[in-house]
Protein backbone atom coordinates (compact mmCIF):
# COMPACT_ATOMS: atom_id res chain seq x y z
CA MET A 1 13.16 35.85 -1.48
CA LYS A 2 9.50 35.66 -0.50
CA PRO A 3 7.79 32.31 0.21
CA SER A 4 4.75 31.52 -1.89
CA THR A 5 1.34 31.95 -0.36
CA ARG A 6 0.64 28.27 -1.00
CA SER A 7 3.47 27.36 1.38
CA ASN A 8 1.64 29.03 4.25
CA ILE A 9 0.23 25.83 5.72
CA SER A 10 0.26 24.36 9.20
CA PRO A 11 3.36 22.43 10.21
CA PHE A 12 3.16 18.68 10.72
CA ILE A 13 3.27 18.95 14.51
CA VAL A 14 4.27 15.35 15.17
CA MET A 15 7.55 16.05 13.38
CA GLU A 16 8.13 19.00 15.71
CA VAL A 17 7.43 16.79 18.71
CA MET A 18 9.99 14.35 17.35
CA ALA A 19 12.51 17.20 17.09
CA ALA A 20 11.85 18.25 20.70
CA ALA A 21 12.24 14.64 21.82
CA ALA A 22 15.52 14.34 19.91
CA ALA A 23 16.82 17.54 21.54
CA ARG A 24 16.01 16.09 24.96
CA GLU A 25 17.93 12.92 24.09
CA VAL A 26 20.94 14.92 22.87
CA ALA A 27 20.92 16.78 26.18
CA GLY A 28 21.13 13.46 28.03
CA GLY A 29 17.48 12.96 28.90
CA ASP A 30 15.60 9.78 28.19
CA VAL A 31 12.50 9.67 25.98
CA LEU A 32 9.69 7.16 25.71
CA HIS A 33 8.48 7.55 22.13
CA LEU A 34 4.70 7.45 21.85
CA GLU A 35 4.51 10.33 19.39
CA VAL A 36 5.35 8.87 16.00
CA GLY A 37 3.31 6.39 13.98
CA GLN A 38 6.25 4.20 13.07
CA PRO A 39 6.69 0.50 13.87
CA SER A 40 9.58 -0.11 16.22
CA THR A 41 10.38 -3.21 14.18
CA GLY A 42 12.46 -3.10 11.03
CA ALA A 43 11.55 -4.56 7.67
CA PRO A 44 10.95 -8.31 7.61
CA ARG A 45 13.92 -10.60 7.08
CA GLY A 46 12.74 -11.63 3.61
CA VAL A 47 12.58 -7.98 2.54
CA ILE A 48 16.16 -7.36 3.71
CA GLU A 49 17.38 -10.45 1.88
CA ALA A 50 15.61 -9.39 -1.30
CA ALA A 51 17.20 -5.94 -1.09
CA GLN A 52 20.65 -7.43 -0.59
CA ARG A 53 20.14 -9.71 -3.56
CA ALA A 54 19.03 -6.79 -5.72
CA LEU A 55 22.10 -4.78 -4.72
CA ARG A 56 24.32 -7.65 -5.81
CA GLU A 57 22.54 -8.50 -9.03
CA ASP A 58 20.77 -5.40 -10.35
CA ARG A 59 22.12 -2.02 -11.40
CA ILE A 60 19.27 -0.23 -9.56
CA GLY A 61 18.38 2.17 -12.33
CA TYR A 62 15.05 3.80 -13.09
CA THR A 63 11.97 1.65 -13.42
CA LEU A 64 8.82 2.47 -15.34
CA ALA A 65 7.02 5.47 -13.91
CA LEU A 66 4.16 3.23 -12.76
CA GLY A 67 6.56 0.78 -11.13
CA LEU A 68 7.93 -2.71 -11.67
CA PRO A 69 5.40 -4.84 -13.58
CA GLU A 70 6.12 -7.84 -11.34
CA LEU A 71 5.38 -5.82 -8.19
CA ARG A 72 2.12 -4.53 -9.67
CA GLN A 73 1.16 -8.12 -10.48
CA ARG A 74 2.03 -9.26 -6.95
CA ILE A 75 -0.14 -6.53 -5.44
CA ALA A 76 -3.03 -7.58 -7.69
CA ARG A 77 -2.61 -11.12 -6.40
CA HIS A 78 -2.72 -9.76 -2.84
CA TYR A 79 -6.14 -8.22 -3.48
CA LEU A 80 -7.45 -11.52 -4.76
CA GLU A 81 -6.06 -13.42 -1.78
CA GLN A 82 -6.97 -10.89 0.90
CA TYR A 83 -10.22 -9.35 -0.34
CA ARG A 84 -11.38 -11.64 -3.19
CA GLN A 85 -11.19 -8.63 -5.49
CA MET A 86 -9.99 -8.94 -9.08
CA VAL A 87 -7.69 -6.00 -9.82
CA ASN A 88 -6.08 -5.31 -13.17
CA PRO A 89 -2.32 -4.98 -12.51
CA GLU A 90 -2.24 -2.24 -15.15
CA CYS A 91 -4.37 -0.09 -12.82
CA ILE A 92 -1.89 -0.39 -9.95
CA VAL A 93 0.56 2.50 -9.57
CA ILE A 94 3.66 2.14 -7.38
CA THR A 95 4.37 5.41 -5.54
CA THR A 96 7.05 7.01 -3.44
CA GLY A 97 5.23 6.30 -0.19
CA SER A 98 1.53 6.88 0.30
CA SER A 99 2.33 10.62 0.42
CA ALA A 100 3.01 10.58 -3.33
CA GLY A 101 -0.22 8.66 -3.79
CA PHE A 102 -2.22 11.44 -2.16
CA LEU A 103 -0.44 14.08 -4.22
CA LEU A 104 -1.00 12.18 -7.46
CA SER A 105 -4.66 11.48 -6.75
CA PHE A 106 -5.40 15.09 -5.78
CA LEU A 107 -3.64 16.44 -8.86
CA ALA A 108 -5.28 13.96 -11.22
CA LEU A 109 -8.81 14.27 -9.82
CA PHE A 110 -9.33 17.87 -8.73
CA ASP A 111 -8.81 21.30 -10.22
CA PRO A 112 -7.85 24.36 -8.14
CA GLY A 113 -10.90 25.51 -6.24
CA GLY A 114 -12.28 21.98 -5.90
CA ARG A 115 -13.77 20.87 -2.58
CA VAL A 116 -12.86 17.59 -0.89
CA ALA A 117 -14.48 16.33 2.32
CA ILE A 118 -12.26 14.78 4.99
CA ALA A 119 -12.96 13.67 8.54
CA SER A 120 -11.79 15.80 11.43
CA PRO A 121 -9.90 14.58 13.41
CA GLY A 122 -7.82 13.18 10.60
CA TYR A 123 -4.30 12.86 9.25
CA PRO A 124 -3.05 16.47 8.94
CA ALA A 125 -1.21 15.98 5.65
CA TYR A 126 -4.57 15.44 3.90
CA ARG A 127 -5.69 19.01 4.43
CA ASN A 128 -2.19 20.47 4.10
CA ILE A 129 -1.51 18.85 0.71
CA LEU A 130 -4.95 19.92 -0.51
CA GLN A 131 -4.28 23.50 0.57
CA VAL A 132 -0.87 23.57 -1.15
CA LEU A 133 -2.69 22.60 -4.35
CA ASN A 134 -5.35 25.31 -3.85
CA ILE A 135 -8.02 22.67 -3.28
CA GLU A 136 -10.36 23.30 -0.36
CA PRO A 137 -10.38 20.67 2.40
CA VAL A 138 -13.91 20.55 3.81
CA LEU A 139 -13.57 19.31 7.37
CA VAL A 140 -16.39 17.03 8.53
CA PRO A 141 -16.53 17.06 12.35
CA CYS A 142 -16.49 13.48 13.62
CA THR A 143 -17.03 12.44 17.22
CA ALA A 144 -17.71 9.34 19.26
CA ASP A 145 -21.39 9.74 18.33
CA ASN A 146 -20.68 8.84 14.70
CA GLY A 147 -17.74 6.53 15.38
CA PHE A 148 -15.24 9.20 14.29
CA GLN A 149 -16.19 8.59 10.64
CA PRO A 150 -18.20 10.83 8.27
CA THR A 151 -21.81 10.03 7.40
CA PRO A 152 -23.81 10.70 4.23
CA GLU A 153 -25.98 13.12 6.22
CA GLN A 154 -22.91 15.16 7.14
CA LEU A 155 -21.80 15.20 3.51
CA VAL A 156 -25.17 16.65 2.52
CA LEU A 157 -24.64 19.45 5.04
CA ALA A 158 -21.06 20.00 3.85
CA ALA A 159 -22.33 20.49 0.29
CA ARG A 160 -24.89 23.17 1.15
CA ASP A 161 -22.64 26.08 0.18
CA ALA A 162 -21.11 24.42 -2.88
CA PRO A 163 -20.96 20.87 -4.28
CA LEU A 164 -18.28 18.49 -3.08
CA ASP A 165 -15.90 17.10 -5.68
CA GLY A 166 -14.60 14.26 -3.58
CA LEU A 167 -14.51 12.39 -0.29
CA LEU A 168 -11.37 11.02 1.33
CA VAL A 169 -11.91 8.34 3.96
CA ALA A 170 -9.47 6.34 6.08
CA SER A 171 -10.22 2.99 7.68
CA PRO A 172 -8.49 2.27 10.02
CA ALA A 173 -8.04 5.99 10.61
CA ASN A 174 -5.24 8.07 12.02
CA PRO A 175 -5.44 9.32 14.81
CA THR A 176 -8.55 7.54 16.09
CA GLY A 177 -8.09 3.95 14.95
CA SER A 178 -11.77 3.94 13.95
CA MET A 179 -12.99 1.74 11.11
CA ILE A 180 -15.83 1.88 8.59
CA ASP A 181 -18.08 -1.17 8.65
CA GLU A 182 -19.67 -2.74 5.59
CA ALA A 183 -22.99 -0.90 5.82
CA GLN A 184 -21.31 2.47 6.39
CA PHE A 185 -18.93 1.94 3.48
CA ARG A 186 -21.75 0.94 1.17
CA ALA A 187 -23.71 4.07 2.13
CA LEU A 188 -20.73 6.40 1.64
CA ALA A 189 -19.83 4.83 -1.71
CA GLY A 190 -23.42 5.10 -2.89
CA HIS A 191 -23.60 8.73 -1.82
CA CYS A 192 -20.45 9.57 -3.79
CA ARG A 193 -21.56 7.65 -6.86
CA ALA A 194 -24.97 9.35 -6.93
CA ARG A 195 -23.35 12.79 -6.84
CA ASN A 196 -20.41 12.10 -9.16
CA MET A 197 -17.95 12.59 -6.28
CA ALA A 198 -14.55 10.92 -6.36
CA LEU A 199 -14.02 8.45 -3.51
CA ILE A 200 -10.46 8.10 -2.23
CA SER A 201 -9.79 5.44 0.40
CA ASP A 202 -6.69 5.54 2.59
CA GLU A 203 -6.01 1.92 3.51
CA ILE A 204 -2.44 2.15 4.79
CA TYR A 205 -3.30 0.57 8.15
CA HIS A 206 -4.89 -2.53 6.65
CA GLY A 207 -3.47 -5.56 8.38
CA VAL A 208 -3.22 -3.73 11.71
CA THR A 209 -6.65 -4.42 13.19
CA TYR A 210 -8.03 -5.89 16.41
CA GLY A 211 -10.98 -8.23 16.28
CA LYS A 212 -12.37 -7.19 12.90
CA ALA A 213 -11.17 -7.14 9.32
CA ALA A 214 -10.84 -3.95 7.30
CA HIS A 215 -12.84 -3.53 4.09
CA THR A 216 -11.34 -2.13 0.93
CA ALA A 217 -13.45 0.48 -0.85
CA LEU A 218 -13.17 -1.65 -4.01
CA GLU A 219 -15.79 -3.94 -2.49
CA PHE A 220 -18.33 -1.13 -2.81
CA ASP A 221 -17.13 0.97 -5.74
CA GLY A 222 -14.92 -0.29 -8.54
CA ASN A 223 -14.03 3.31 -9.40
CA ALA A 224 -12.72 4.19 -5.94
CA VAL A 225 -9.10 5.29 -5.72
CA ILE A 226 -7.18 3.15 -3.23
CA ILE A 227 -4.04 4.35 -1.50
CA ASN A 228 -1.89 1.96 0.49
CA SER A 229 1.67 1.72 1.72
CA PHE A 230 4.43 -0.65 2.75
CA SER A 231 5.15 1.57 5.77
CA LYS A 232 2.78 0.40 8.50
CA TYR A 233 1.83 -3.29 8.43
CA PHE A 234 4.94 -4.14 6.41
CA SER A 235 7.27 -2.09 8.71
CA MET A 236 9.02 -0.36 5.79
CA THR A 237 8.63 3.34 6.66
CA GLY A 238 12.01 4.58 5.48
CA TRP A 239 11.84 2.59 2.25
CA ARG A 240 9.30 5.19 1.02
CA LEU A 241 7.10 2.91 -1.04
CA GLY A 242 3.36 2.75 -1.50
CA TRP A 243 0.77 2.02 -4.16
CA MET A 244 -2.46 3.26 -5.69
CA ILE A 245 -5.27 1.48 -7.46
CA VAL A 246 -6.97 3.80 -9.94
CA PRO A 247 -9.78 3.48 -12.49
CA GLU A 248 -8.50 2.78 -16.00
CA ALA A 249 -9.80 6.16 -17.21
CA MET A 250 -7.57 7.91 -14.68
CA LEU A 251 -4.41 5.88 -15.29
CA ARG A 252 -2.84 7.95 -18.07
CA ALA A 253 -3.31 11.20 -16.13
CA VAL A 254 -1.60 9.70 -13.09
CA GLU A 255 1.20 8.32 -15.24
CA ARG A 256 1.92 11.68 -16.89
CA ILE A 257 2.03 13.51 -13.57
CA SER A 258 4.16 10.79 -11.96
CA GLN A 259 6.67 10.83 -14.82
CA ASN A 260 7.25 14.52 -14.35
CA LEU A 261 7.20 14.73 -10.56
CA PHE A 262 9.02 11.55 -9.59
CA ILE A 263 10.36 9.81 -12.74
CA SER A 264 9.91 6.48 -10.93
CA PRO A 265 9.51 5.08 -7.42
CA PRO A 266 12.63 3.88 -5.52
CA THR A 267 13.92 0.85 -7.41
CA LEU A 268 15.67 -0.94 -4.53
CA SER A 269 12.55 -0.61 -2.39
CA GLN A 270 10.43 -2.12 -5.16
CA TYR A 271 12.61 -5.20 -5.47
CA ALA A 272 12.58 -5.58 -1.70
CA ALA A 273 8.80 -5.17 -1.50
CA LEU A 274 8.31 -8.14 -3.82
CA ALA A 275 9.21 -10.31 -0.84
CA ALA A 276 7.00 -8.50 1.67
CA PHE A 277 3.87 -10.49 0.82
CA ASP A 278 5.67 -13.71 1.77
CA CYS A 279 6.48 -12.47 5.29
CA HIS A 280 3.04 -12.57 6.91
CA ASP A 281 4.08 -14.86 9.78
CA GLU A 282 6.68 -12.34 10.94
CA LEU A 283 4.36 -9.40 10.33
CA LYS A 284 1.50 -10.95 12.27
CA ARG A 285 3.84 -11.32 15.25
CA ASN A 286 4.38 -7.56 15.05
CA VAL A 287 0.62 -6.98 15.10
CA ALA A 288 0.36 -9.24 18.16
CA VAL A 289 2.76 -6.89 19.94
CA TYR A 290 0.63 -3.88 18.97
CA ALA A 291 -2.43 -5.70 20.31
CA ALA A 292 -0.68 -6.36 23.62
CA ASN A 293 0.42 -2.71 23.80
CA ARG A 294 -3.13 -1.56 23.11
CA GLU A 295 -4.54 -3.71 25.88
CA LEU A 296 -1.88 -2.51 28.30
CA LEU A 297 -2.60 1.17 27.66
CA LEU A 298 -6.38 0.68 27.74
CA ARG A 299 -5.91 -0.96 31.14
CA GLU A 300 -3.24 1.31 32.64
CA LEU A 301 -3.97 4.82 31.32
CA PRO A 302 -7.28 5.04 33.22
CA LYS A 303 -5.21 4.64 36.40
CA ALA A 304 -3.56 7.93 35.40
CA GLY A 305 -6.95 9.56 34.86
CA ILE A 306 -6.94 9.17 31.06
CA SER A 307 -9.93 7.00 30.26
CA ARG A 308 -11.87 8.45 27.31
CA PHE A 309 -10.67 6.86 24.08
CA ALA A 310 -11.68 6.77 20.43
CA PRO A 311 -12.51 3.22 19.26
CA ALA A 312 -8.93 2.13 18.36
CA ASP A 313 -10.20 -0.85 16.35
CA GLY A 314 -7.20 -0.59 14.04
CA ALA A 315 -3.87 1.20 13.46
CA PHE A 316 -1.67 1.73 16.52
CA TYR A 317 -2.99 4.86 18.21
CA LEU A 318 -5.09 5.86 21.17
CA TYR A 319 -6.80 9.20 20.61
CA THR A 320 -7.62 10.36 24.12
CA ASP A 321 -9.89 13.08 25.47
CA VAL A 322 -7.90 15.04 28.07
CA SER A 323 -10.29 18.00 28.37
CA HIS A 324 -10.58 17.36 32.12
CA LEU A 325 -6.82 17.87 32.39
CA THR A 326 -6.12 20.69 29.93
CA GLN A 327 -7.57 22.99 27.28
CA ASP A 328 -4.16 23.32 25.62
CA SER A 329 -2.94 19.97 24.32
CA GLU A 330 0.27 21.47 22.88
CA GLU A 331 1.34 22.86 26.25
CA PHE A 332 0.21 19.65 27.93
CA CYS A 333 2.42 17.57 25.62
CA ARG A 334 5.37 19.94 26.11
CA ARG A 335 5.05 19.57 29.89
CA MET A 336 4.61 15.82 29.60
CA LEU A 337 7.84 15.49 27.63
CA ALA A 338 9.79 17.87 29.90
CA GLU A 339 8.55 16.38 33.18
CA THR A 340 8.17 12.67 32.37
CA GLY A 341 10.10 11.99 29.17
CA VAL A 342 6.92 10.66 27.52
CA ALA A 343 6.52 12.06 23.99
CA ALA A 344 2.99 12.21 22.57
CA THR A 345 1.26 14.25 19.88
CA PRO A 346 -1.22 17.04 20.66
CA GLY A 347 -4.63 16.67 19.08
CA VAL A 348 -4.40 20.05 17.34
CA ASP A 349 -2.28 18.29 14.72
CA PHE A 350 -5.36 16.31 13.70
CA ASP A 351 -8.28 18.61 14.53
CA PRO A 352 -7.86 22.42 14.41
CA ALA A 353 -11.24 22.95 16.11
CA LYS A 354 -11.29 20.55 19.06
CA GLY A 355 -7.81 19.09 19.09
CA HIS A 356 -6.79 21.29 22.02
CA GLN A 357 -8.69 18.78 24.18
CA PHE A 358 -7.09 15.60 22.80
CA VAL A 359 -3.74 13.79 22.79
CA ARG A 360 -2.67 10.93 20.53
CA PHE A 361 -0.51 8.14 21.95
CA SER A 362 1.17 5.78 19.50
CA PHE A 363 1.61 2.21 20.73
CA ALA A 364 3.76 1.08 17.81
CA GLY A 365 6.80 0.67 20.09
CA SER A 366 7.77 -2.11 22.46
CA THR A 367 5.54 -3.33 25.28
CA GLU A 368 8.28 -2.40 27.76
CA VAL A 369 8.15 1.23 26.60
CA MET A 370 4.36 1.27 26.89
CA ALA A 371 4.51 -0.05 30.46
CA LYS A 372 7.12 2.52 31.49
CA ALA A 373 5.15 5.34 29.90
CA ALA A 374 1.90 4.36 31.63
CA ALA A 375 3.68 4.18 34.99
CA ARG A 376 5.27 7.60 34.55
CA LEU A 377 1.98 9.18 33.52
CA LYS A 378 0.28 7.68 36.56
CA ASP A 379 2.94 9.17 38.85
CA TRP A 380 2.67 12.51 37.04
CA LEU A 381 -1.10 12.86 37.01
CA THR A 382 -2.17 11.29 40.29
């Protein structure tokens, strides 16, 4: 048996770091987990109760391919309450995690050979899924100078060789935590509209912000494709549930593909998620912990000689420049885990060009873990 050429993509390195951390734990070593972007909290109490009720009362069969109508209606209500945006529930698609949302949007919007611009550093699965589908990810180099977000001027340069078919943005972004402000979003949306480029907005970290609110792309372009998830703010990673908002003209294409790839999203998770929007008090307490963790690391990591950070205005990551300590972030993270028990993700997972100089720390865990990790890194590096 010979693997397909399309399967020849980069691994998702954070998963390999998790495996190395698990092996250390099996061998009796302790691990402080700052590698994975997963809330340390479980699903809210109301979500658990809704799931238990569904198990007792429902047969948990297939739902419609686009998801439970009542959940789609509840998400539409969320957009009115949170963003003052009127969304047709019929244009909301429930997905098997945001990962299925990316796959569905790429398949429905782009043909093989298409070109889609994405920020670098950025979430590695963007470029890997595009490559599996024979769509070209066009990496736009983003630095502190442009707030780690793409600009219209960069998109013009990226289209010199061939036109771009789409732009995928993330705000807040993984791994940098950077956000797109109103003026930037308006400019990017206008650029895409003028050139007939699809605009896809990854909004899975909405709700996890510090000092500023996140904008949805719908505020600037009613034809933008929105991808969101119950994994991050709602603390439901393993429930594998997300959603898309798509233009009406795209809905039938997404439905056909979804029917054939997934049949329907997880039914139990959908019933549980109906309660998630009534759990904001509990969820905001989780975000308060992330905020405390962020402040702790911003204060303590400089004492270990790690002091150059991306903005971290949202999400729960610090993307740190460690070029003064190493030019090989993978080896640096291997040594860090072996010698301190602190697990973190090398920047090469997010940026093939300059990621060897960066490390991402996740502060989604407990404040106690963050404090221990910062102390160990200080002892290790000073």
